[in-house]
Amino acid sequence: MSIVKDIKCEYPGCDIIFFGDGHRKYCDEHSKLKYRKKIEKASEDDANILIRHLSHELFTIGRACDCCGVDYKITLYPKQFIYPRYCELHRNKFKRRNYKGELHVGSI
């Protein structure tokens, strides 16, 4: 059983008090889609590449890692177009940042 009470809208700058059961944080106006945070699209440092091919068979190609330049192999599958951009050592974003020297770990 939920308790109905007066709730203040949590949207910054809004002082509207509305009648609700405690699960809502925003008034009717600020519950609309246009006030919700936008999800960021994939950045340029996306971990995948798009390889379009018309092959109906499995085959393997070689590719150089965009981070370290080491050659690695990708197996291309029929009807699949998204493949890894980095070698096994740099598929993790943390490892790529660490390799590039962007990760600064404080001394212990």
PDB file of N, CA and C in Angstrom:
ATOM      1  N   MET A   1       0.845  -1.172   0.000  1.00  0.00           N
ATOM      2  CA  MET A   1       0.000   0.000   0.000  1.00  0.00           C
ATOM      3  C   MET A   1       0.892   1.237   0.000  1.00  0.00           C
ATOM      4  N   SER A   2       0.673   2.140  -0.945  1.00  0.00           N
ATOM      5  CA  SER A   2       1.496   3.342  -1.038  1.00  0.00           C
ATOM      6  C   SER A   2       0.807   4.514  -0.355  1.00  0.00           C
ATOM      7  N   ILE A   3       1.627   5.382   0.175  1.00  0.00           N
ATOM      8  CA  ILE A   3       1.126   6.557   0.874  1.00  0.00           C
ATOM      9  C   ILE A   3       1.144   7.733  -0.095  1.00  0.00           C
ATOM     10  N   VAL A   4       0.020   8.424  -0.228  1.00  0.00           N
ATOM     11  CA  VAL A   4      -0.086   9.573  -1.115  1.00  0.00           C
ATOM     12  C   VAL A   4       0.260  10.813  -0.310  1.00  0.00           C
ATOM     13  N   LYS A   5       1.181  11.654  -0.894  1.00  0.00           N
ATOM     14  CA  LYS A   5       1.616  12.847  -0.176  1.00  0.00           C
ATOM     15  C   LYS A   5       2.001  13.938  -1.160  1.00  0.00           C
ATOM     16  N   ASP A   6       2.256  15.122  -0.644  1.00  0.00           N
ATOM     17  CA  ASP A   6       2.719  16.239  -1.463  1.00  0.00           C
ATOM     18  C   ASP A   6       4.221  16.080  -1.695  1.00  0.00           C
ATOM     19  N   ILE A   7       4.638  16.199  -2.966  1.00  0.00           N
ATOM     20  CA  ILE A   7       6.044  16.027  -3.332  1.00  0.00           C
ATOM     21  C   ILE A   7       6.486  17.247  -4.125  1.00  0.00           C
ATOM     22  N   LYS A   8       7.702  17.734  -3.837  1.00  0.00           N
ATOM     23  CA  LYS A   8       8.268  18.864  -4.576  1.00  0.00           C
ATOM     24  C   LYS A   8       9.030  18.314  -5.773  1.00  0.00           C
ATOM     25  N   CYS A   9       8.807  18.914  -6.940  1.00  0.00           N
ATOM     26  CA  CYS A   9       9.484  18.495  -8.164  1.00  0.00           C
ATOM     27  C   CYS A   9      10.991  18.691  -8.008  1.00  0.00           C
ATOM     28  N   GLU A  10      11.775  17.690  -8.410  1.00  0.00           N
ATOM     29  CA  GLU A  10      13.234  17.746  -8.262  1.00  0.00           C
ATOM     30  C   GLU A  10      13.949  18.327  -9.473  1.00  0.00           C
ATOM     31  N   TYR A  11      13.194  18.775 -10.490  1.00  0.00           N
ATOM     32  CA  TYR A  11      13.823  19.399 -11.646  1.00  0.00           C
ATOM     33  C   TYR A  11      14.425  20.732 -11.208  1.00  0.00           C
ATOM     34  N   PRO A  12      15.676  21.030 -11.606  1.00  0.00           N
ATOM     35  CA  PRO A  12      16.321  22.278 -11.168  1.00  0.00           C
ATOM     36  C   PRO A  12      15.514  23.517 -11.558  1.00  0.00           C
ATOM     37  N   GLY A  13      15.217  24.335 -10.588  1.00  0.00           N
ATOM     38  CA  GLY A  13      14.490  25.580 -10.817  1.00  0.00           C
ATOM     39  C   GLY A  13      12.977  25.455 -10.766  1.00  0.00           C
ATOM     40  N   CYS A  14      12.465  24.261 -10.572  1.00  0.00           N
ATOM     41  CA  CYS A  14      11.017  24.064 -10.516  1.00  0.00           C
ATOM     42  C   CYS A  14      10.583  23.973  -9.054  1.00  0.00           C
ATOM     43  N   ASP A  15       9.579  24.784  -8.692  1.00  0.00           N
ATOM     44  CA  ASP A  15       9.090  24.806  -7.309  1.00  0.00           C
ATOM     45  C   ASP A  15       7.678  24.237  -7.188  1.00  0.00           C
ATOM     46  N   ILE A  16       7.245  23.488  -8.184  1.00  0.00           N
ATOM     47  CA  ILE A  16       5.893  22.936  -8.175  1.00  0.00           C
ATOM     48  C   ILE A  16       5.801  21.794  -7.166  1.00  0.00           C
ATOM     49  N   ILE A  17       4.741  21.813  -6.375  1.00  0.00           N
ATOM     50  CA  ILE A  17       4.456  20.722  -5.443  1.00  0.00           C
ATOM     51  C   ILE A  17       3.253  19.964  -6.003  1.00  0.00           C
ATOM     52  N   PHE A  18       3.429  18.659  -6.188  1.00  0.00           N
ATOM     53  CA  PHE A  18       2.366  17.848  -6.776  1.00  0.00           C
ATOM     54  C   PHE A  18       1.990  16.723  -5.829  1.00  0.00           C
ATOM     55  N   PHE A  19       0.855  16.134  -6.096  1.00  0.00           N
ATOM     56  CA  PHE A  19       0.287  15.081  -5.273  1.00  0.00           C
ATOM     57  C   PHE A  19       0.728  13.739  -5.849  1.00  0.00           C
ATOM     58  N   GLY A  20       1.490  12.936  -5.093  1.00  0.00           N
ATOM     59  CA  GLY A  20       1.983  11.667  -5.618  1.00  0.00           C
ATOM     60  C   GLY A  20       2.211  10.644  -4.533  1.00  0.00           C
ATOM     61  N   ASP A  21       2.648   9.446  -4.948  1.00  0.00           N
ATOM     62  CA  ASP A  21       2.816   8.355  -4.000  1.00  0.00           C
ATOM     63  C   ASP A  21       4.268   8.138  -3.564  1.00  0.00           C
ATOM     64  N   GLY A  22       5.185   8.991  -3.970  1.00  0.00           N
ATOM     65  CA  GLY A  22       6.559   8.868  -3.510  1.00  0.00           C
ATOM     66  C   GLY A  22       7.494   8.237  -4.524  1.00  0.00           C
ATOM     67  N   HIS A  23       6.948   7.601  -5.568  1.00  0.00           N
ATOM     68  CA  HIS A  23       7.792   6.998  -6.593  1.00  0.00           C
ATOM     69  C   HIS A  23       8.184   8.008  -7.661  1.00  0.00           C
ATOM     70  N   ARG A  24       7.419   9.047  -7.815  1.00  0.00           N
ATOM     71  CA  ARG A  24       7.697  10.062  -8.825  1.00  0.00           C
ATOM     72  C   ARG A  24       8.596  11.133  -8.242  1.00  0.00           C
ATOM     73  N   LYS A  25       9.516  11.618  -9.073  1.00  0.00           N
ATOM     74  CA  LYS A  25      10.416  12.673  -8.646  1.00  0.00           C
ATOM     75  C   LYS A  25      10.085  14.001  -9.308  1.00  0.00           C
ATOM     76  N   TYR A  26       9.355  13.964 -10.447  1.00  0.00           N
ATOM     77  CA  TYR A  26       9.114  15.153 -11.236  1.00  0.00           C
ATOM     78  C   TYR A  26       7.622  15.394 -11.434  1.00  0.00           C
ATOM     79  N   CYS A  27       7.263  16.661 -11.594  1.00  0.00           N
ATOM     80  CA  CYS A  27       5.871  17.031 -11.853  1.00  0.00           C
ATOM     81  C   CYS A  27       5.474  16.564 -13.250  1.00  0.00           C
ATOM     82  N   ASP A  28       4.188  16.764 -13.606  1.00  0.00           N
ATOM     83  CA  ASP A  28       3.691  16.318 -14.914  1.00  0.00           C
ATOM     84  C   ASP A  28       4.443  16.976 -16.065  1.00  0.00           C
ATOM     85  N   GLU A  29       4.769  18.251 -15.926  1.00  0.00           N
ATOM     86  CA  GLU A  29       5.477  18.954 -17.002  1.00  0.00           C
ATOM     87  C   GLU A  29       6.884  18.401 -17.204  1.00  0.00           C
ATOM     88  N   HIS A  30       7.616  18.199 -16.132  1.00  0.00           N
ATOM     89  CA  HIS A  30       9.010  17.759 -16.248  1.00  0.00           C
ATOM     90  C   HIS A  30       9.166  16.245 -16.374  1.00  0.00           C
ATOM     91  N   SER A  31       8.054  15.525 -16.426  1.00  0.00           N
ATOM     92  CA  SER A  31       8.101  14.086 -16.704  1.00  0.00           C
ATOM     93  C   SER A  31       8.082  13.807 -18.201  1.00  0.00           C
ATOM     94  N   LYS A  32       7.887  14.840 -19.011  1.00  0.00           N
ATOM     95  CA  LYS A  32       7.810  14.680 -20.462  1.00  0.00           C
ATOM     96  C   LYS A  32       9.184  14.364 -21.044  1.00  0.00           C
ATOM     97  N   LEU A  33       9.181  13.739 -22.212  1.00  0.00           N
ATOM     98  CA  LEU A  33      10.414  13.303 -22.873  1.00  0.00           C
ATOM     99  C   LEU A  33      11.389  14.434 -23.167  1.00  0.00           C
ATOM    100  N   LYS A  34      10.880  15.608 -23.492  1.00  0.00           N
ATOM    101  CA  LYS A  34      11.778  16.693 -23.884  1.00  0.00           C
ATOM    102  C   LYS A  34      12.664  17.183 -22.727  1.00  0.00           C
ATOM    103  N   TYR A  35      12.318  16.854 -21.491  1.00  0.00           N
ATOM    104  CA  TYR A  35      13.117  17.266 -20.341  1.00  0.00           C
ATOM    105  C   TYR A  35      14.106  16.192 -19.876  1.00  0.00           C
ATOM    106  N   ARG A  36      14.036  15.011 -20.481  1.00  0.00           N
ATOM    107  CA  ARG A  36      14.932  13.935 -20.060  1.00  0.00           C
ATOM    108  C   ARG A  36      16.319  14.131 -20.650  1.00  0.00           C
ATOM    109  N   LYS A  37      17.305  13.585 -19.964  1.00  0.00           N
ATOM    110  CA  LYS A  37      18.680  13.697 -20.442  1.00  0.00           C
ATOM    111  C   LYS A  37      18.838  12.906 -21.724  1.00  0.00           C
ATOM    112  N   LYS A  38      19.594  13.474 -22.638  1.00  0.00           N
ATOM    113  CA  LYS A  38      19.865  12.803 -23.900  1.00  0.00           C
ATOM    114  C   LYS A  38      21.016  11.821 -23.698  1.00  0.00           C
ATOM    115  N   ILE A  39      20.891  10.634 -24.270  1.00  0.00           N
ATOM    116  CA  ILE A  39      21.956   9.644 -24.202  1.00  0.00           C
ATOM    117  C   ILE A  39      22.972   9.979 -25.278  1.00  0.00           C
ATOM    118  N   GLU A  40      24.228  10.050 -24.876  1.00  0.00           N
ATOM    119  CA  GLU A  40      25.270  10.396 -25.834  1.00  0.00           C
ATOM    120  C   GLU A  40      25.457   9.270 -26.838  1.00  0.00           C
ATOM    121  N   LYS A  41      25.656   9.651 -28.077  1.00  0.00           N
ATOM    122  CA  LYS A  41      25.907   8.665 -29.112  1.00  0.00           C
ATOM    123  C   LYS A  41      27.354   8.191 -28.995  1.00  0.00           C
ATOM    124  N   ALA A  42      27.652   7.125 -29.701  1.00  0.00           N
ATOM    125  CA  ALA A  42      28.991   6.551 -29.650  1.00  0.00           C
ATOM    126  C   ALA A  42      30.027   7.595 -30.027  1.00  0.00           C
ATOM    127  N   SER A  43      31.111   7.629 -29.290  1.00  0.00           N
ATOM    128  CA  SER A  43      32.160   8.601 -29.544  1.00  0.00           C
ATOM    129  C   SER A  43      33.019   8.163 -30.715  1.00  0.00           C
ATOM    130  N   GLU A  44      33.950   9.029 -31.119  1.00  0.00           N
ATOM    131  CA  GLU A  44      34.848   8.690 -32.217  1.00  0.00           C
ATOM    132  C   GLU A  44      35.772   7.543 -31.826  1.00  0.00           C
ATOM    133  N   ASP A  45      35.979   7.351 -30.535  1.00  0.00           N
ATOM    134  CA  ASP A  45      36.843   6.285 -30.058  1.00  0.00           C
ATOM    135  C   ASP A  45      36.030   5.000 -29.875  1.00  0.00           C
ATOM    136  N   ASP A  46      35.141   4.768 -30.819  1.00  0.00           N
ATOM    137  CA  ASP A  46      34.301   3.581 -30.763  1.00  0.00           C
ATOM    138  C   ASP A  46      35.163   2.341 -30.947  1.00  0.00           C
ATOM    139  N   ALA A  47      34.842   1.281 -30.230  1.00  0.00           N
ATOM    140  CA  ALA A  47      35.668   0.077 -30.236  1.00  0.00           C
ATOM    141  C   ALA A  47      35.394  -0.827 -31.427  1.00  0.00           C
ATOM    142  N   ASN A  48      34.460  -0.461 -32.306  1.00  0.00           N
ATOM    143  CA  ASN A  48      34.118  -1.314 -33.435  1.00  0.00           C
ATOM    144  C   ASN A  48      34.247  -0.570 -34.754  1.00  0.00           C
ATOM    145  N   ILE A  49      34.407  -1.348 -35.825  1.00  0.00           N
ATOM    146  CA  ILE A  49      34.420  -0.790 -37.173  1.00  0.00           C
ATOM    147  C   ILE A  49      33.353  -1.500 -37.993  1.00  0.00           C
ATOM    148  N   LEU A  50      32.969  -0.874 -39.069  1.00  0.00           N
ATOM    149  CA  LEU A  50      31.961  -1.433 -39.955  1.00  0.00           C
ATOM    150  C   LEU A  50      32.670  -1.929 -41.210  1.00  0.00           C
ATOM    151  N   ILE A  51      32.585  -3.222 -41.475  1.00  0.00           N
ATOM    152  CA  ILE A  51      33.172  -3.821 -42.671  1.00  0.00           C
ATOM    153  C   ILE A  51      32.028  -4.439 -43.472  1.00  0.00           C
ATOM    154  N   ARG A  52      31.680  -3.796 -44.573  1.00  0.00           N
ATOM    155  CA  ARG A  52      30.596  -4.308 -45.418  1.00  0.00           C
ATOM    156  C   ARG A  52      31.182  -5.292 -46.422  1.00  0.00           C
ATOM    157  N   HIS A  53      30.587  -6.468 -46.509  1.00  0.00           N
ATOM    158  CA  HIS A  53      31.033  -7.486 -47.454  1.00  0.00           C
ATOM    159  C   HIS A  53      29.813  -8.266 -47.926  1.00  0.00           C
ATOM    160  N   LEU A  54      29.958  -8.903 -49.081  1.00  0.00           N
ATOM    161  CA  LEU A  54      28.844  -9.659 -49.659  1.00  0.00           C
ATOM    162  C   LEU A  54      29.114 -11.160 -49.642  1.00  0.00           C
ATOM    163  N   SER A  55      30.088 -11.571 -48.876  1.00  0.00           N
ATOM    164  CA  SER A  55      30.476 -12.975 -48.843  1.00  0.00           C
ATOM    165  C   SER A  55      29.431 -13.812 -48.107  1.00  0.00           C
ATOM    166  N   HIS A  56      29.237 -15.034 -48.602  1.00  0.00           N
ATOM    167  CA  HIS A  56      28.331 -15.973 -47.945  1.00  0.00           C
ATOM    168  C   HIS A  56      29.104 -17.071 -47.243  1.00  0.00           C
ATOM    169  N   GLU A  57      30.421 -16.912 -47.183  1.00  0.00           N
ATOM    170  CA  GLU A  57      31.280 -17.901 -46.542  1.00  0.00           C
ATOM    171  C   GLU A  57      32.120 -17.233 -45.468  1.00  0.00           C
ATOM    172  N   LEU A  58      32.595 -18.037 -44.546  1.00  0.00           N
ATOM    173  CA  LEU A  58      33.483 -17.576 -43.489  1.00  0.00           C
ATOM    174  C   LEU A  58      34.876 -17.359 -44.068  1.00  0.00           C
ATOM    175  N   PHE A  59      35.502 -16.219 -43.761  1.00  0.00           N
ATOM    176  CA  PHE A  59      36.900 -16.055 -44.146  1.00  0.00           C
ATOM    177  C   PHE A  59      37.583 -15.108 -43.179  1.00  0.00           C
ATOM    178  N   THR A  60      38.910 -15.155 -43.162  1.00  0.00           N
ATOM    179  CA  THR A  60      39.712 -14.404 -42.203  1.00  0.00           C
ATOM    180  C   THR A  60      40.529 -13.342 -42.933  1.00  0.00           C
ATOM    181  N   ILE A  61      40.581 -12.133 -42.335  1.00  0.00           N
ATOM    182  CA  ILE A  61      41.419 -11.075 -42.885  1.00  0.00           C
ATOM    183  C   ILE A  61      42.364 -10.582 -41.800  1.00  0.00           C
ATOM    184  N   GLY A  62      43.450  -9.956 -42.207  1.00  0.00           N
ATOM    185  CA  GLY A  62      44.379  -9.353 -41.263  1.00  0.00           C
ATOM    186  C   GLY A  62      44.122  -7.861 -41.170  1.00  0.00           C
ATOM    187  N   ARG A  63      44.350  -7.303 -40.010  1.00  0.00           N
ATOM    188  CA  ARG A  63      44.114  -5.877 -39.790  1.00  0.00           C
ATOM    189  C   ARG A  63      45.101  -5.376 -38.755  1.00  0.00           C
ATOM    190  N   ALA A  64      45.522  -4.126 -38.853  1.00  0.00           N
ATOM    191  CA  ALA A  64      46.429  -3.520 -37.879  1.00  0.00           C
ATOM    192  C   ALA A  64      45.606  -2.832 -36.789  1.00  0.00           C
ATOM    193  N   CYS A  65      46.036  -3.006 -35.551  1.00  0.00           N
ATOM    194  CA  CYS A  65      45.367  -2.386 -34.398  1.00  0.00           C
ATOM    195  C   CYS A  65      45.490  -0.862 -34.511  1.00  0.00           C
ATOM    196  N   ASP A  66      44.415  -0.136 -34.268  1.00  0.00           N
ATOM    197  CA  ASP A  66      44.440   1.322 -34.328  1.00  0.00           C
ATOM    198  C   ASP A  66      45.192   1.943 -33.146  1.00  0.00           C
ATOM    199  N   CYS A  67      45.464   1.162 -32.144  1.00  0.00           N
ATOM    200  CA  CYS A  67      46.151   1.669 -30.952  1.00  0.00           C
ATOM    201  C   CYS A  67      47.664   1.423 -31.026  1.00  0.00           C
ATOM    202  N   CYS A  68      48.068   0.175 -31.243  1.00  0.00           N
ATOM    203  CA  CYS A  68      49.493  -0.174 -31.183  1.00  0.00           C
ATOM    204  C   CYS A  68      50.085  -0.557 -32.536  1.00  0.00           C
ATOM    205  N   GLY A  69      49.260  -0.803 -33.545  1.00  0.00           N
ATOM    206  CA  GLY A  69      49.749  -1.143 -34.863  1.00  0.00           C
ATOM    207  C   GLY A  69      50.049  -2.617 -35.086  1.00  0.00           C
ATOM    208  N   VAL A  70      49.850  -3.447 -34.088  1.00  0.00           N
ATOM    209  CA  VAL A  70      50.102  -4.883 -34.214  1.00  0.00           C
ATOM    210  C   VAL A  70      49.039  -5.509 -35.122  1.00  0.00           C
ATOM    211  N   ASP A  71      49.455  -6.422 -35.993  1.00  0.00           N
ATOM    212  CA  ASP A  71      48.511  -7.117 -36.861  1.00  0.00           C
ATOM    213  C   ASP A  71      47.741  -8.171 -36.075  1.00  0.00           C
ATOM    214  N   TYR A  72      46.449  -8.248 -36.320  1.00  0.00           N
ATOM    215  CA  TYR A  72      45.613  -9.272 -35.708  1.00  0.00           C
ATOM    216  C   TYR A  72      44.621  -9.760 -36.759  1.00  0.00           C
ATOM    217  N   LYS A  73      44.000 -10.885 -36.511  1.00  0.00           N
ATOM    218  CA  LYS A  73      43.102 -11.484 -37.499  1.00  0.00           C
ATOM    219  C   LYS A  73      41.646 -11.335 -37.079  1.00  0.00           C
ATOM    220  N   ILE A  74      40.807 -11.089 -38.075  1.00  0.00           N
ATOM    221  CA  ILE A  74      39.364 -10.994 -37.871  1.00  0.00           C
ATOM    222  C   ILE A  74      38.715 -12.033 -38.769  1.00  0.00           C
ATOM    223  N   THR A  75      37.799 -12.803 -38.219  1.00  0.00           N
ATOM    224  CA  THR A  75      37.024 -13.741 -39.018  1.00  0.00           C
ATOM    225  C   THR A  75      35.721 -13.061 -39.407  1.00  0.00           C
ATOM    226  N   LEU A  76      35.498 -12.944 -40.720  1.00  0.00           N
ATOM    227  CA  LEU A  76      34.285 -12.308 -41.220  1.00  0.00           C
ATOM    228  C   LEU A  76      33.197 -13.358 -41.415  1.00  0.00           C
ATOM    229  N   TYR A  77      32.026 -13.058 -40.884  1.00  0.00           N
ATOM    230  CA  TYR A  77      30.884 -13.960 -40.937  1.00  0.00           C
ATOM    231  C   TYR A  77      29.840 -13.403 -41.900  1.00  0.00           C
ATOM    232  N   PRO A  78      29.070 -14.277 -42.552  1.00  0.00           N
ATOM    233  CA  PRO A  78      27.999 -13.804 -43.431  1.00  0.00           C
ATOM    234  C   PRO A  78      26.950 -13.010 -42.649  1.00  0.00           C
ATOM    235  N   LYS A  79      26.477 -11.942 -43.246  1.00  0.00           N
ATOM    236  CA  LYS A  79      25.428 -11.086 -42.677  1.00  0.00           C
ATOM    237  C   LYS A  79      25.821 -10.431 -41.359  1.00  0.00           C
ATOM    238  N   GLN A  80      27.108 -10.312 -41.084  1.00  0.00           N
ATOM    239  CA  GLN A  80      27.591  -9.590 -39.905  1.00  0.00           C
ATOM    240  C   GLN A  80      28.580  -8.547 -40.395  1.00  0.00           C
ATOM    241  N   PHE A  81      28.422  -7.300 -39.944  1.00  0.00           N
ATOM    242  CA  PHE A  81      29.232  -6.216 -40.478  1.00  0.00           C
ATOM    243  C   PHE A  81      30.018  -5.447 -39.413  1.00  0.00           C
ATOM    244  N   ILE A  82      29.779  -5.700 -38.141  1.00  0.00           N
ATOM    245  CA  ILE A  82      30.473  -4.979 -37.077  1.00  0.00           C
ATOM    246  C   ILE A  82      31.564  -5.872 -36.515  1.00  0.00           C
ATOM    247  N   TYR A  83      32.801  -5.345 -36.513  1.00  0.00           N
ATOM    248  CA  TYR A  83      33.963  -6.113 -36.072  1.00  0.00           C
ATOM    249  C   TYR A  83      34.840  -5.252 -35.170  1.00  0.00           C
ATOM    250  N   PRO A  84      35.723  -5.884 -34.373  1.00  0.00           N
ATOM    251  CA  PRO A  84      36.567  -5.123 -33.447  1.00  0.00           C
ATOM    252  C   PRO A  84      37.615  -4.278 -34.164  1.00  0.00           C
ATOM    253  N   ARG A  85      37.833  -3.071 -33.668  1.00  0.00           N
ATOM    254  CA  ARG A  85      38.808  -2.142 -34.230  1.00  0.00           C
ATOM    255  C   ARG A  85      40.205  -2.372 -33.665  1.00  0.00           C
ATOM    256  N   TYR A  86      40.283  -2.957 -32.478  1.00  0.00           N
ATOM    257  CA  TYR A  86      41.560  -3.101 -31.778  1.00  0.00           C
ATOM    258  C   TYR A  86      41.931  -4.566 -31.594  1.00  0.00           C
ATOM    259  N   CYS A  87      43.226  -4.822 -31.348  1.00  0.00           N
ATOM    260  CA  CYS A  87      43.699  -6.180 -31.082  1.00  0.00           C
ATOM    261  C   CYS A  87      43.202  -6.643 -29.713  1.00  0.00           C
ATOM    262  N   GLU A  88      43.452  -7.892 -29.381  1.00  0.00           N
ATOM    263  CA  GLU A  88      42.975  -8.464 -28.108  1.00  0.00           C
ATOM    264  C   GLU A  88      43.484  -7.677 -26.896  1.00  0.00           C
ATOM    265  N   LEU A  89      44.686  -7.127 -26.975  1.00  0.00           N
ATOM    266  CA  LEU A  89      45.263  -6.419 -25.832  1.00  0.00           C
ATOM    267  C   LEU A  89      44.625  -5.055 -25.588  1.00  0.00           C
ATOM    268  N   HIS A  90      43.979  -4.480 -26.599  1.00  0.00           N
ATOM    269  CA  HIS A  90      43.459  -3.119 -26.461  1.00  0.00           C
ATOM    270  C   HIS A  90      41.960  -3.004 -26.706  1.00  0.00           C
ATOM    271  N   ARG A  91      41.215  -4.072 -26.607  1.00  0.00           N
ATOM    272  CA  ARG A  91      39.756  -4.004 -26.806  1.00  0.00           C
ATOM    273  C   ARG A  91      39.075  -3.326 -25.629  1.00  0.00           C
ATOM    274  N   ASN A  92      39.699  -3.334 -24.491  1.00  0.00           N
ATOM    275  CA  ASN A  92      39.169  -2.697 -23.298  1.00  0.00           C
ATOM    276  C   ASN A  92      39.569  -1.220 -23.317  1.00  0.00           C
ATOM    277  N   LYS A  93      38.636  -0.314 -23.054  1.00  0.00           N
ATOM    278  CA  LYS A  93      38.913   1.127 -23.075  1.00  0.00           C
ATOM    279  C   LYS A  93      39.967   1.506 -22.045  1.00  0.00           C
ATOM    280  N   PHE A  94      39.944   0.863 -20.898  1.00  0.00           N
ATOM    281  CA  PHE A  94      40.936   1.114 -19.847  1.00  0.00           C
ATOM    282  C   PHE A  94      42.335   0.791 -20.351  1.00  0.00           C
ATOM    283  N   LYS A  95      42.486  -0.346 -21.025  1.00  0.00           N
ATOM    284  CA  LYS A  95      43.802  -0.758 -21.524  1.00  0.00           C
ATOM    285  C   LYS A  95      44.301   0.176 -22.620  1.00  0.00           C
ATOM    286  N   ARG A  96      43.391   0.687 -23.460  1.00  0.00           N
ATOM    287  CA  ARG A  96      43.791   1.641 -24.503  1.00  0.00           C
ATOM    288  C   ARG A  96      44.291   2.930 -23.876  1.00  0.00           C
ATOM    289  N   ARG A  97      43.581   3.426 -22.882  1.00  0.00           N
ATOM    290  CA  ARG A  97      44.006   4.662 -22.217  1.00  0.00           C
ATOM    291  C   ARG A  97      45.330   4.457 -21.487  1.00  0.00           C
ATOM    292  N   ASN A  98      45.497   3.294 -20.891  1.00  0.00           N
ATOM    293  CA  ASN A  98      46.732   2.984 -20.188  1.00  0.00           C
ATOM    294  C   ASN A  98      47.900   2.917 -21.176  1.00  0.00           C
ATOM    295  N   TYR A  99      47.693   2.316 -22.341  1.00  0.00           N
ATOM    296  CA  TYR A  99      48.728   2.185 -23.358  1.00  0.00           C
ATOM    297  C   TYR A  99      49.137   3.558 -23.905  1.00  0.00           C
ATOM    298  N   LYS A 100      48.180   4.436 -24.091  1.00  0.00           N
ATOM    299  CA  LYS A 100      48.456   5.770 -24.636  1.00  0.00           C
ATOM    300  C   LYS A 100      49.041   6.710 -23.589  1.00  0.00           C
ATOM    301  N   GLY A 101      49.071   6.287 -22.328  1.00  0.00           N
ATOM    302  CA  GLY A 101      49.628   7.131 -21.271  1.00  0.00           C
ATOM    303  C   GLY A 101      48.675   8.155 -20.717  1.00  0.00           C
ATOM    304  N   GLU A 102      47.388   8.028 -21.033  1.00  0.00           N
ATOM    305  CA  GLU A 102      46.391   8.971 -20.547  1.00  0.00           C
ATOM    306  C   GLU A 102      45.954   8.662 -19.129  1.00  0.00           C
ATOM    307  N   LEU A 103      46.243   7.467 -18.672  1.00  0.00           N
ATOM    308  CA  LEU A 103      45.805   7.043 -17.351  1.00  0.00           C
ATOM    309  C   LEU A 103      46.878   7.384 -16.337  1.00  0.00           C
ATOM    310  N   HIS A 104      46.566   8.243 -15.402  1.00  0.00           N
ATOM    311  CA  HIS A 104      47.515   8.646 -14.391  1.00  0.00           C
ATOM    312  C   HIS A 104      47.101   8.061 -13.044  1.00  0.00           C
ATOM    313  N   VAL A 105      47.856   7.102 -12.592  1.00  0.00           N
ATOM    314  CA  VAL A 105      47.566   6.455 -11.331  1.00  0.00           C
ATOM    315  C   VAL A 105      48.474   7.076 -10.275  1.00  0.00           C
ATOM    316  N   GLY A 106      47.878   7.550  -9.190  1.00  0.00           N
ATOM    317  CA  GLY A 106      48.645   8.204  -8.128  1.00  0.00           C
ATOM    318  C   GLY A 106      49.564   7.210  -7.407  1.00  0.00           C
ATOM    319  N   SER A 107      50.598   7.728  -6.798  1.00  0.00           N
ATOM    320  CA  SER A 107      51.514   6.859  -6.064  1.00  0.00           C
ATOM    321  C   SER A 107      50.891   6.392  -4.759  1.00  0.00           C
ATOM    322  N   ILE A 108      51.327   5.236  -4.334  1.00  0.00           N
ATOM    323  CA  ILE A 108      50.760   4.629  -3.122  1.00  0.00           C
ATOM    324  C   ILE A 108      51.523   5.098  -1.921  1.00  0.00           C
TER     325      ILE A 108
END
